[in-house]
Amino acid sequence: MTFKFRFLGKAVLILAAIAVLGWLVMLLWNAVIPAVFADSRPVDYLHALGLLILSRILFGGFHGRGGRRGQRWEKWQAMTTEEREQFRQNMRHGRSRDNRE
């Protein structure tokens, strides 16, 4: 039951972060671009979200690729079957590997 609430909480947090980022892009665009380029227009909220998505596609995102994700995969591959099972048990009970009870 707590998994559902945790998942729902994370989903709401992600949606809120996207909404705030879109709002910030709109504010920054409307403050900077029309002042710098004479023929440009302010953007509305939906266009700002579109710019955010476009920047994600063109520049590879907000958190980078590989990096820590690749390190975690290598760590997972190096684990024995017993270590993997222990990790899964800890994750089910909300504990990390370094914070065992």
PDB file of N, CA and C in Angstrom:
ATOM      1  N   MET A   1       0.822  -1.192   0.000  1.00  0.00           N
ATOM      2  CA  MET A   1       0.000   0.000   0.000  1.00  0.00           C
ATOM      3  C   MET A   1       0.869   1.260   0.000  1.00  0.00           C
ATOM      4  N   THR A   2       1.961   1.256   0.763  1.00  0.00           N
ATOM      5  CA  THR A   2       2.819   2.432   0.790  1.00  0.00           C
ATOM      6  C   THR A   2       3.524   2.634  -0.549  1.00  0.00           C
ATOM      7  N   PHE A   3       3.736   1.526  -1.280  1.00  0.00           N
ATOM      8  CA  PHE A   3       4.363   1.656  -2.598  1.00  0.00           C
ATOM      9  C   PHE A   3       3.507   2.513  -3.519  1.00  0.00           C
ATOM     10  N   LYS A   4       2.187   2.309  -3.477  1.00  0.00           N
ATOM     11  CA  LYS A   4       1.279   3.085  -4.323  1.00  0.00           C
ATOM     12  C   LYS A   4       1.334   4.557  -3.961  1.00  0.00           C
ATOM     13  N   PHE A   5       1.353   4.859  -2.667  1.00  0.00           N
ATOM     14  CA  PHE A   5       1.418   6.253  -2.245  1.00  0.00           C
ATOM     15  C   PHE A   5       2.767   6.872  -2.597  1.00  0.00           C
ATOM     16  N   ARG A   6       3.826   6.085  -2.450  1.00  0.00           N
ATOM     17  CA  ARG A   6       5.155   6.587  -2.798  1.00  0.00           C
ATOM     18  C   ARG A   6       5.243   6.859  -4.302  1.00  0.00           C
ATOM     19  N   PHE A   7       4.718   5.928  -5.093  1.00  0.00           N
ATOM     20  CA  PHE A   7       4.713   6.100  -6.545  1.00  0.00           C
ATOM     21  C   PHE A   7       3.872   7.312  -6.941  1.00  0.00           C
ATOM     22  N   LEU A   8       2.692   7.439  -6.349  1.00  0.00           N
ATOM     23  CA  LEU A   8       1.814   8.568  -6.645  1.00  0.00           C
ATOM     24  C   LEU A   8       2.464   9.879  -6.236  1.00  0.00           C
ATOM     25  N   GLY A   9       3.111   9.889  -5.087  1.00  0.00           N
ATOM     26  CA  GLY A   9       3.803  11.089  -4.625  1.00  0.00           C
ATOM     27  C   GLY A   9       4.916  11.504  -5.569  1.00  0.00           C
ATOM     28  N   LYS A  10       5.687  10.526  -6.044  1.00  0.00           N
ATOM     29  CA  LYS A  10       6.761  10.825  -6.992  1.00  0.00           C
ATOM     30  C   LYS A  10       6.198  11.334  -8.314  1.00  0.00           C
ATOM     31  N   ALA A  11       5.106  10.735  -8.776  1.00  0.00           N
ATOM     32  CA  ALA A  11       4.495  11.176 -10.036  1.00  0.00           C
ATOM     33  C   ALA A  11       4.000  12.615  -9.914  1.00  0.00           C
ATOM     34  N   VAL A  12       3.366  12.932  -8.799  1.00  0.00           N
ATOM     35  CA  VAL A  12       2.887  14.302  -8.577  1.00  0.00           C
ATOM     36  C   VAL A  12       4.061  15.264  -8.502  1.00  0.00           C
ATOM     37  N   LEU A  13       5.136  14.863  -7.832  1.00  0.00           N
ATOM     38  CA  LEU A  13       6.317  15.707  -7.716  1.00  0.00           C
ATOM     39  C   LEU A  13       6.951  15.965  -9.085  1.00  0.00           C
ATOM     40  N   ILE A  14       7.028  14.933  -9.915  1.00  0.00           N
ATOM     41  CA  ILE A  14       7.604  15.082 -11.255  1.00  0.00           C
ATOM     42  C   ILE A  14       6.743  16.014 -12.099  1.00  0.00           C
ATOM     43  N   LEU A  15       5.428  15.832 -12.055  1.00  0.00           N
ATOM     44  CA  LEU A  15       4.539  16.714 -12.817  1.00  0.00           C
ATOM     45  C   LEU A  15       4.636  18.156 -12.335  1.00  0.00           C
ATOM     46  N   ALA A  16       4.741  18.349 -11.030  1.00  0.00           N
ATOM     47  CA  ALA A  16       4.887  19.703 -10.486  1.00  0.00           C
ATOM     48  C   ALA A  16       6.208  20.322 -10.935  1.00  0.00           C
ATOM     49  N   ALA A  17       7.282  19.518 -10.943  1.00  0.00           N
ATOM     50  CA  ALA A  17       8.586  20.020 -11.384  1.00  0.00           C
ATOM     51  C   ALA A  17       8.547  20.419 -12.850  1.00  0.00           C
ATOM     52  N   ILE A  18       7.882  19.623 -13.679  1.00  0.00           N
ATOM     53  CA  ILE A  18       7.760  19.961 -15.102  1.00  0.00           C
ATOM     54  C   ILE A  18       6.967  21.252 -15.265  1.00  0.00           C
ATOM     55  N   ALA A  19       5.892  21.396 -14.494  1.00  0.00           N
ATOM     56  CA  ALA A  19       5.076  22.607 -14.578  1.00  0.00           C
ATOM     57  C   ALA A  19       5.877  23.837 -14.163  1.00  0.00           C
ATOM     58  N   VAL A  20       6.646  23.722 -13.091  1.00  0.00           N
ATOM     59  CA  VAL A  20       7.452  24.858 -12.623  1.00  0.00           C
ATOM     60  C   VAL A  20       8.559  25.180 -13.622  1.00  0.00           C
ATOM     61  N   LEU A  21       9.201  24.148 -14.177  1.00  0.00           N
ATOM     62  CA  LEU A  21      10.237  24.395 -15.177  1.00  0.00           C
ATOM     63  C   LEU A  21       9.670  25.085 -16.418  1.00  0.00           C
ATOM     64  N   GLY A  22       8.494  24.660 -16.847  1.00  0.00           N
ATOM     65  CA  GLY A  22       7.845  25.325 -17.985  1.00  0.00           C
ATOM     66  C   GLY A  22       7.544  26.780 -17.687  1.00  0.00           C
ATOM     67  N   TRP A  23       7.089  27.048 -16.474  1.00  0.00           N
ATOM     68  CA  TRP A  23       6.791  28.425 -16.064  1.00  0.00           C
ATOM     69  C   TRP A  23       8.074  29.266 -16.027  1.00  0.00           C
ATOM     70  N   LEU A  24       9.180  28.672 -15.516  1.00  0.00           N
ATOM     71  CA  LEU A  24      10.456  29.390 -15.479  1.00  0.00           C
ATOM     72  C   LEU A  24      10.983  29.681 -16.883  1.00  0.00           C
ATOM     73  N   VAL A  25      10.847  28.709 -17.779  1.00  0.00           N
ATOM     74  CA  VAL A  25      11.278  28.933 -19.167  1.00  0.00           C
ATOM     75  C   VAL A  25      10.482  30.077 -19.772  1.00  0.00           C
ATOM     76  N   MET A  26       9.169  30.095 -19.522  1.00  0.00           N
ATOM     77  CA  MET A  26       8.332  31.164 -20.052  1.00  0.00           C
ATOM     78  C   MET A  26       8.776  32.524 -19.503  1.00  0.00           C
ATOM     79  N   LEU A  27       8.999  32.601 -18.192  1.00  0.00           N
ATOM     80  CA  LEU A  27       9.427  33.869 -17.593  1.00  0.00           C
ATOM     81  C   LEU A  27      10.779  34.330 -18.129  1.00  0.00           C
ATOM     82  N   LEU A  28      11.727  33.412 -18.200  1.00  0.00           N
ATOM     83  CA  LEU A  28      13.055  33.780 -18.701  1.00  0.00           C
ATOM     84  C   LEU A  28      13.017  34.190 -20.169  1.00  0.00           C
ATOM     85  N   TRP A  29      12.296  33.435 -20.968  1.00  0.00           N
ATOM     86  CA  TRP A  29      12.180  33.777 -22.385  1.00  0.00           C
ATOM     87  C   TRP A  29      11.574  35.165 -22.551  1.00  0.00           C
ATOM     88  N   ASN A  30      10.472  35.406 -21.866  1.00  0.00           N
ATOM     89  CA  ASN A  30       9.771  36.673 -22.015  1.00  0.00           C
ATOM     90  C   ASN A  30      10.556  37.842 -21.431  1.00  0.00           C
ATOM     91  N   ALA A  31      11.459  37.577 -20.502  1.00  0.00           N
ATOM     92  CA  ALA A  31      12.278  38.650 -19.935  1.00  0.00           C
ATOM     93  C   ALA A  31      13.504  38.950 -20.795  1.00  0.00           C
ATOM     94  N   VAL A  32      14.059  37.945 -21.446  1.00  0.00           N
ATOM     95  CA  VAL A  32      15.333  38.124 -22.139  1.00  0.00           C
ATOM     96  C   VAL A  32      15.178  38.281 -23.648  1.00  0.00           C
ATOM     97  N   ILE A  33      14.516  37.343 -24.286  1.00  0.00           N
ATOM     98  CA  ILE A  33      14.522  37.273 -25.755  1.00  0.00           C
ATOM     99  C   ILE A  33      13.899  38.506 -26.415  1.00  0.00           C
ATOM    100  N   PRO A  34      12.712  38.987 -26.009  1.00  0.00           N
ATOM    101  CA  PRO A  34      12.181  40.185 -26.661  1.00  0.00           C
ATOM    102  C   PRO A  34      13.058  41.425 -26.476  1.00  0.00           C
ATOM    103  N   ALA A  35      13.796  41.484 -25.386  1.00  0.00           N
ATOM    104  CA  ALA A  35      14.688  42.624 -25.162  1.00  0.00           C
ATOM    105  C   ALA A  35      15.935  42.539 -26.042  1.00  0.00           C
ATOM    106  N   VAL A  36      16.386  41.339 -26.344  1.00  0.00           N
ATOM    107  CA  VAL A  36      17.602  41.156 -27.129  1.00  0.00           C
ATOM    108  C   VAL A  36      17.311  41.181 -28.626  1.00  0.00           C
ATOM    109  N   PHE A  37      16.241  40.519 -29.042  1.00  0.00           N
ATOM    110  CA  PHE A  37      15.892  40.446 -30.460  1.00  0.00           C
ATOM    111  C   PHE A  37      14.624  41.247 -30.704  1.00  0.00           C
ATOM    112  N   ALA A  38      14.718  42.241 -31.562  1.00  0.00           N
ATOM    113  CA  ALA A  38      13.620  43.188 -31.768  1.00  0.00           C
ATOM    114  C   ALA A  38      12.363  42.540 -32.348  1.00  0.00           C
ATOM    115  N   ASP A  39      12.483  41.563 -33.218  1.00  0.00           N
ATOM    116  CA  ASP A  39      11.317  40.982 -33.882  1.00  0.00           C
ATOM    117  C   ASP A  39      10.728  39.771 -33.155  1.00  0.00           C
ATOM    118  N   SER A  40      11.230  39.439 -32.001  1.00  0.00           N
ATOM    119  CA  SER A  40      10.721  38.256 -31.306  1.00  0.00           C
ATOM    120  C   SER A  40       9.500  38.602 -30.462  1.00  0.00           C
ATOM    121  N   ARG A  41       8.702  37.575 -30.186  1.00  0.00           N
ATOM    122  CA  ARG A  41       7.484  37.752 -29.400  1.00  0.00           C
ATOM    123  C   ARG A  41       7.602  36.974 -28.106  1.00  0.00           C
ATOM    124  N   PRO A  42       6.850  37.387 -27.099  1.00  0.00           N
ATOM    125  CA  PRO A  42       6.787  36.580 -25.872  1.00  0.00           C
ATOM    126  C   PRO A  42       6.109  35.244 -26.168  1.00  0.00           C
ATOM    127  N   VAL A  43       6.405  34.245 -25.350  1.00  0.00           N
ATOM    128  CA  VAL A  43       5.790  32.932 -25.520  1.00  0.00           C
ATOM    129  C   VAL A  43       4.774  32.706 -24.413  1.00  0.00           C
ATOM    130  N   ASP A  44       3.787  31.866 -24.713  1.00  0.00           N
ATOM    131  CA  ASP A  44       2.837  31.497 -23.668  1.00  0.00           C
ATOM    132  C   ASP A  44       3.332  30.211 -22.991  1.00  0.00           C
ATOM    133  N   TYR A  45       2.567  29.743 -22.023  1.00  0.00           N
ATOM    134  CA  TYR A  45       2.993  28.606 -21.206  1.00  0.00           C
ATOM    135  C   TYR A  45       3.198  27.339 -22.033  1.00  0.00           C
ATOM    136  N   LEU A  46       2.286  27.033 -22.935  1.00  0.00           N
ATOM    137  CA  LEU A  46       2.415  25.803 -23.727  1.00  0.00           C
ATOM    138  C   LEU A  46       3.632  25.850 -24.654  1.00  0.00           C
ATOM    139  N   HIS A  47       3.927  27.016 -25.215  1.00  0.00           N
ATOM    140  CA  HIS A  47       5.120  27.134 -26.045  1.00  0.00           C
ATOM    141  C   HIS A  47       6.382  26.984 -25.195  1.00  0.00           C
ATOM    142  N   ALA A  48       6.341  27.473 -23.956  1.00  0.00           N
ATOM    143  CA  ALA A  48       7.484  27.308 -23.058  1.00  0.00           C
ATOM    144  C   ALA A  48       7.711  25.831 -22.740  1.00  0.00           C
ATOM    145  N   LEU A  49       6.633  25.075 -22.526  1.00  0.00           N
ATOM    146  CA  LEU A  49       6.781  23.630 -22.316  1.00  0.00           C
ATOM    147  C   LEU A  49       7.361  22.962 -23.560  1.00  0.00           C
ATOM    148  N   GLY A  50       6.927  23.414 -24.729  1.00  0.00           N
ATOM    149  CA  GLY A  50       7.476  22.893 -25.981  1.00  0.00           C
ATOM    150  C   GLY A  50       8.970  23.170 -26.097  1.00  0.00           C
ATOM    151  N   LEU A  51       9.391  24.372 -25.700  1.00  0.00           N
ATOM    152  CA  LEU A  51      10.820  24.695 -25.708  1.00  0.00           C
ATOM    153  C   LEU A  51      11.588  23.802 -24.738  1.00  0.00           C
ATOM    154  N   LEU A  52      10.989  23.530 -23.598  1.00  0.00           N
ATOM    155  CA  LEU A  52      11.619  22.658 -22.610  1.00  0.00           C
ATOM    156  C   LEU A  52      11.807  21.250 -23.178  1.00  0.00           C
ATOM    157  N   ILE A  53      10.797  20.720 -23.824  1.00  0.00           N
ATOM    158  CA  ILE A  53      10.879  19.388 -24.436  1.00  0.00           C
ATOM    159  C   ILE A  53      11.891  19.388 -25.580  1.00  0.00           C
ATOM    160  N   LEU A  54      11.871  20.434 -26.379  1.00  0.00           N
ATOM    161  CA  LEU A  54      12.825  20.536 -27.483  1.00  0.00           C
ATOM    162  C   LEU A  54      14.255  20.576 -26.967  1.00  0.00           C
ATOM    163  N   SER A  55      14.497  21.332 -25.910  1.00  0.00           N
ATOM    164  CA  SER A  55      15.851  21.375 -25.349  1.00  0.00           C
ATOM    165  C   SER A  55      16.259  20.010 -24.805  1.00  0.00           C
ATOM    166  N   ARG A  56      15.307  19.266 -24.252  1.00  0.00           N
ATOM    167  CA  ARG A  56      15.575  17.916 -23.754  1.00  0.00           C
ATOM    168  C   ARG A  56      15.993  17.002 -24.898  1.00  0.00           C
ATOM    169  N   ILE A  57      15.305  17.127 -26.020  1.00  0.00           N
ATOM    170  CA  ILE A  57      15.618  16.292 -27.181  1.00  0.00           C
ATOM    171  C   ILE A  57      16.973  16.677 -27.776  1.00  0.00           C
ATOM    172  N   LEU A  58      17.203  17.967 -27.951  1.00  0.00           N
ATOM    173  CA  LEU A  58      18.408  18.431 -28.630  1.00  0.00           C
ATOM    174  C   LEU A  58      19.665  18.316 -27.782  1.00  0.00           C
ATOM    175  N   PHE A  59      19.561  18.589 -26.495  1.00  0.00           N
ATOM    176  CA  PHE A  59      20.752  18.684 -25.666  1.00  0.00           C
ATOM    177  C   PHE A  59      20.912  17.547 -24.671  1.00  0.00           C
ATOM    178  N   GLY A  60      20.084  16.534 -24.741  1.00  0.00           N
ATOM    179  CA  GLY A  60      20.311  15.335 -23.961  1.00  0.00           C
ATOM    180  C   GLY A  60      19.765  15.328 -22.562  1.00  0.00           C
ATOM    181  N   GLY A  61      18.928  16.241 -22.208  1.00  0.00           N
ATOM    182  CA  GLY A  61      18.234  16.142 -20.934  1.00  0.00           C
ATOM    183  C   GLY A  61      18.780  16.989 -19.822  1.00  0.00           C
ATOM    184  N   PHE A  62      18.195  16.773 -18.653  1.00  0.00           N
ATOM    185  CA  PHE A  62      18.469  17.590 -17.490  1.00  0.00           C
ATOM    186  C   PHE A  62      19.406  16.892 -16.513  1.00  0.00           C
ATOM    187  N   HIS A  63      19.652  15.607 -16.681  1.00  0.00           N
ATOM    188  CA  HIS A  63      20.478  14.862 -15.753  1.00  0.00           C
ATOM    189  C   HIS A  63      21.614  14.127 -16.440  1.00  0.00           C
ATOM    190  N   GLY A  64      21.742  14.252 -17.720  1.00  0.00           N
ATOM    191  CA  GLY A  64      22.826  13.596 -18.430  1.00  0.00           C
ATOM    192  C   GLY A  64      22.536  12.140 -18.743  1.00  0.00           C
ATOM    193  N   ARG A  65      23.352  11.548 -19.554  1.00  0.00           N
ATOM    194  CA  ARG A  65      23.202  10.147 -19.942  1.00  0.00           C
ATOM    195  C   ARG A  65      24.341   9.342 -19.335  1.00  0.00           C
ATOM    196  N   GLY A  66      24.091   8.070 -19.166  1.00  0.00           N
ATOM    197  CA  GLY A  66      25.134   7.176 -18.672  1.00  0.00           C
ATOM    198  C   GLY A  66      25.510   7.524 -17.252  1.00  0.00           C
ATOM    199  N   GLY A  67      26.740   7.949 -17.061  1.00  0.00           N
ATOM    200  CA  GLY A  67      27.214   8.414 -15.766  1.00  0.00           C
ATOM    201  C   GLY A  67      26.860   7.473 -14.639  1.00  0.00           C
ATOM    202  N   ARG A  68      26.100   7.962 -13.697  1.00  0.00           N
ATOM    203  CA  ARG A  68      25.728   7.183 -12.521  1.00  0.00           C
ATOM    204  C   ARG A  68      24.892   5.970 -12.894  1.00  0.00           C
ATOM    205  N   ARG A  69      24.042   6.120 -13.908  1.00  0.00           N
ATOM    206  CA  ARG A  69      23.209   4.987 -14.311  1.00  0.00           C
ATOM    207  C   ARG A  69      24.092   3.838 -14.785  1.00  0.00           C
ATOM    208  N   GLY A  70      25.123   4.149 -15.559  1.00  0.00           N
ATOM    209  CA  GLY A  70      26.042   3.130 -16.025  1.00  0.00           C
ATOM    210  C   GLY A  70      26.824   2.504 -14.887  1.00  0.00           C
ATOM    211  N   GLN A  71      27.205   3.312 -13.903  1.00  0.00           N
ATOM    212  CA  GLN A  71      27.925   2.799 -12.749  1.00  0.00           C
ATOM    213  C   GLN A  71      27.048   1.854 -11.945  1.00  0.00           C
ATOM    214  N   ARG A  72      25.771   2.209 -11.800  1.00  0.00           N
ATOM    215  CA  ARG A  72      24.864   1.337 -11.061  1.00  0.00           C
ATOM    216  C   ARG A  72      24.699   0.001 -11.771  1.00  0.00           C
ATOM    217  N   TRP A  73      24.622   0.038 -13.106  1.00  0.00           N
ATOM    218  CA  TRP A  73      24.468  -1.200 -13.860  1.00  0.00           C
ATOM    219  C   TRP A  73      25.694  -2.082 -13.688  1.00  0.00           C
ATOM    220  N   GLU A  74      26.885  -1.462 -13.742  1.00  0.00           N
ATOM    221  CA  GLU A  74      28.111  -2.242 -13.553  1.00  0.00           C
ATOM    222  C   GLU A  74      28.162  -2.840 -12.146  1.00  0.00           C
ATOM    223  N   LYS A  75      27.714  -2.067 -11.159  1.00  0.00           N
ATOM    224  CA  LYS A  75      27.685  -2.566  -9.790  1.00  0.00           C
ATOM    225  C   LYS A  75      26.723  -3.753  -9.680  1.00  0.00           C
ATOM    226  N   TRP A  76      25.568  -3.624 -10.336  1.00  0.00           N
ATOM    227  CA  TRP A  76      24.577  -4.703 -10.324  1.00  0.00           C
ATOM    228  C   TRP A  76      25.153  -5.963 -10.968  1.00  0.00           C
ATOM    229  N   GLN A  77      25.842  -5.797 -12.092  1.00  0.00           N
ATOM    230  CA  GLN A  77      26.421  -6.933 -12.799  1.00  0.00           C
ATOM    231  C   GLN A  77      27.499  -7.632 -11.964  1.00  0.00           C
ATOM    232  N   ALA A  78      28.188  -6.858 -11.115  1.00  0.00           N
ATOM    233  CA  ALA A  78      29.261  -7.424 -10.300  1.00  0.00           C
ATOM    234  C   ALA A  78      28.738  -8.151  -9.055  1.00  0.00           C
ATOM    235  N   MET A  79      27.454  -7.984  -8.737  1.00  0.00           N
ATOM    236  CA  MET A  79      26.892  -8.615  -7.537  1.00  0.00           C
ATOM    237  C   MET A  79      26.686 -10.108  -7.754  1.00  0.00           C
ATOM    238  N   THR A  80      26.814 -10.836  -6.650  1.00  0.00           N
ATOM    239  CA  THR A  80      26.470 -12.257  -6.692  1.00  0.00           C
ATOM    240  C   THR A  80      24.951 -12.392  -6.588  1.00  0.00           C
ATOM    241  N   THR A  81      24.447 -13.580  -6.818  1.00  0.00           N
ATOM    242  CA  THR A  81      23.008 -13.831  -6.716  1.00  0.00           C
ATOM    243  C   THR A  81      22.504 -13.515  -5.314  1.00  0.00           C
ATOM    244  N   GLU A  82      23.282 -13.886  -4.301  1.00  0.00           N
ATOM    245  CA  GLU A  82      22.880 -13.616  -2.916  1.00  0.00           C
ATOM    246  C   GLU A  82      22.833 -12.115  -2.639  1.00  0.00           C
ATOM    247  N   GLU A  83      23.825 -11.373  -3.140  1.00  0.00           N
ATOM    248  CA  GLU A  83      23.846  -9.920  -2.939  1.00  0.00           C
ATOM    249  C   GLU A  83      22.655  -9.246  -3.631  1.00  0.00           C
ATOM    250  N   ARG A  84      22.323  -9.730  -4.824  1.00  0.00           N
ATOM    251  CA  ARG A  84      21.164  -9.181  -5.529  1.00  0.00           C
ATOM    252  C   ARG A  84      19.876  -9.429  -4.757  1.00  0.00           C
ATOM    253  N   GLU A  85      19.733 -10.632  -4.212  1.00  0.00           N
ATOM    254  CA  GLU A  85      18.532 -10.951  -3.447  1.00  0.00           C
ATOM    255  C   GLU A  85      18.457 -10.101  -2.175  1.00  0.00           C
ATOM    256  N   GLN A  86      19.599  -9.923  -1.518  1.00  0.00           N
ATOM    257  CA  GLN A  86      19.638  -9.070  -0.323  1.00  0.00           C
ATOM    258  C   GLN A  86      19.262  -7.636  -0.689  1.00  0.00           C
ATOM    259  N   PHE A  87      19.764  -7.154  -1.810  1.00  0.00           N
ATOM    260  CA  PHE A  87      19.436  -5.807  -2.280  1.00  0.00           C
ATOM    261  C   PHE A  87      17.933  -5.681  -2.532  1.00  0.00           C
ATOM    262  N   ARG A  88      17.354  -6.666  -3.200  1.00  0.00           N
ATOM    263  CA  ARG A  88      15.910  -6.647  -3.464  1.00  0.00           C
ATOM    264  C   ARG A  88      15.112  -6.633  -2.158  1.00  0.00           C
ATOM    265  N   GLN A  89      15.530  -7.451  -1.191  1.00  0.00           N
ATOM    266  CA  GLN A  89      14.842  -7.479   0.102  1.00  0.00           C
ATOM    267  C   GLN A  89      14.917  -6.114   0.790  1.00  0.00           C
ATOM    268  N   ASN A  90      16.095  -5.521   0.763  1.00  0.00           N
ATOM    269  CA  ASN A  90      16.258  -4.197   1.377  1.00  0.00           C
ATOM    270  C   ASN A  90      15.393  -3.148   0.681  1.00  0.00           C
ATOM    271  N   MET A  91      15.300  -3.225  -0.635  1.00  0.00           N
ATOM    272  CA  MET A  91      14.491  -2.253  -1.376  1.00  0.00           C
ATOM    273  C   MET A  91      13.005  -2.440  -1.060  1.00  0.00           C
ATOM    274  N   ARG A  92      12.570  -3.673  -0.874  1.00  0.00           N
ATOM    275  CA  ARG A  92      11.171  -3.934  -0.526  1.00  0.00           C
ATOM    276  C   ARG A  92      10.820  -3.355   0.832  1.00  0.00           C
ATOM    277  N   HIS A  93      11.799  -3.346   1.722  1.00  0.00           N
ATOM    278  CA  HIS A  93      11.552  -2.865   3.084  1.00  0.00           C
ATOM    279  C   HIS A  93      11.987  -1.418   3.279  1.00  0.00           C
ATOM    280  N   GLY A  94      12.353  -0.734   2.197  1.00  0.00           N
ATOM    281  CA  GLY A  94      12.694   0.688   2.276  1.00  0.00           C
ATOM    282  C   GLY A  94      14.062   0.972   2.857  1.00  0.00           C
ATOM    283  N   ARG A  95      14.980   0.029   2.762  1.00  0.00           N
ATOM    284  CA  ARG A  95      16.332   0.236   3.268  1.00  0.00           C
ATOM    285  C   ARG A  95      17.304   0.163   2.109  1.00  0.00           C
ATOM    286  N   SER A  96      18.344   1.006   2.182  1.00  0.00           N
ATOM    287  CA  SER A  96      19.386   0.921   1.175  1.00  0.00           C
ATOM    288  C   SER A  96      20.408  -0.114   1.612  1.00  0.00           C
ATOM    289  N   ARG A  97      21.320  -0.472   0.738  1.00  0.00           N
ATOM    290  CA  ARG A  97      22.338  -1.470   1.059  1.00  0.00           C
ATOM    291  C   ARG A  97      23.251  -0.980   2.170  1.00  0.00           C
ATOM    292  N   ASP A  98      23.509   0.346   2.212  1.00  0.00           N
ATOM    293  CA  ASP A  98      24.438   0.886   3.185  1.00  0.00           C
ATOM    294  C   ASP A  98      23.784   1.133   4.533  1.00  0.00           C
ATOM    295  N   ASN A  99      22.456   1.015   4.616  1.00  0.00           N
ATOM    296  CA  ASN A  99      21.736   1.347   5.834  1.00  0.00           C
ATOM    297  C   ASN A  99      20.977   0.122   6.342  1.00  0.00           C
ATOM    298  N   ARG A 100      21.670  -0.959   6.544  1.00  0.00           N
ATOM    299  CA  ARG A 100      21.031  -2.192   6.981  1.00  0.00           C
ATOM    300  C   ARG A 100      20.687  -2.118   8.458  1.00  0.00           C
ATOM    301  N   GLU A 101      19.595  -2.782   8.832  1.00  0.00           N
ATOM    302  CA  GLU A 101      19.191  -2.802  10.233  1.00  0.00           C
ATOM    303  C   GLU A 101      19.636  -4.070  10.898  1.00  0.00           C
TER     304      GLU A 101
END
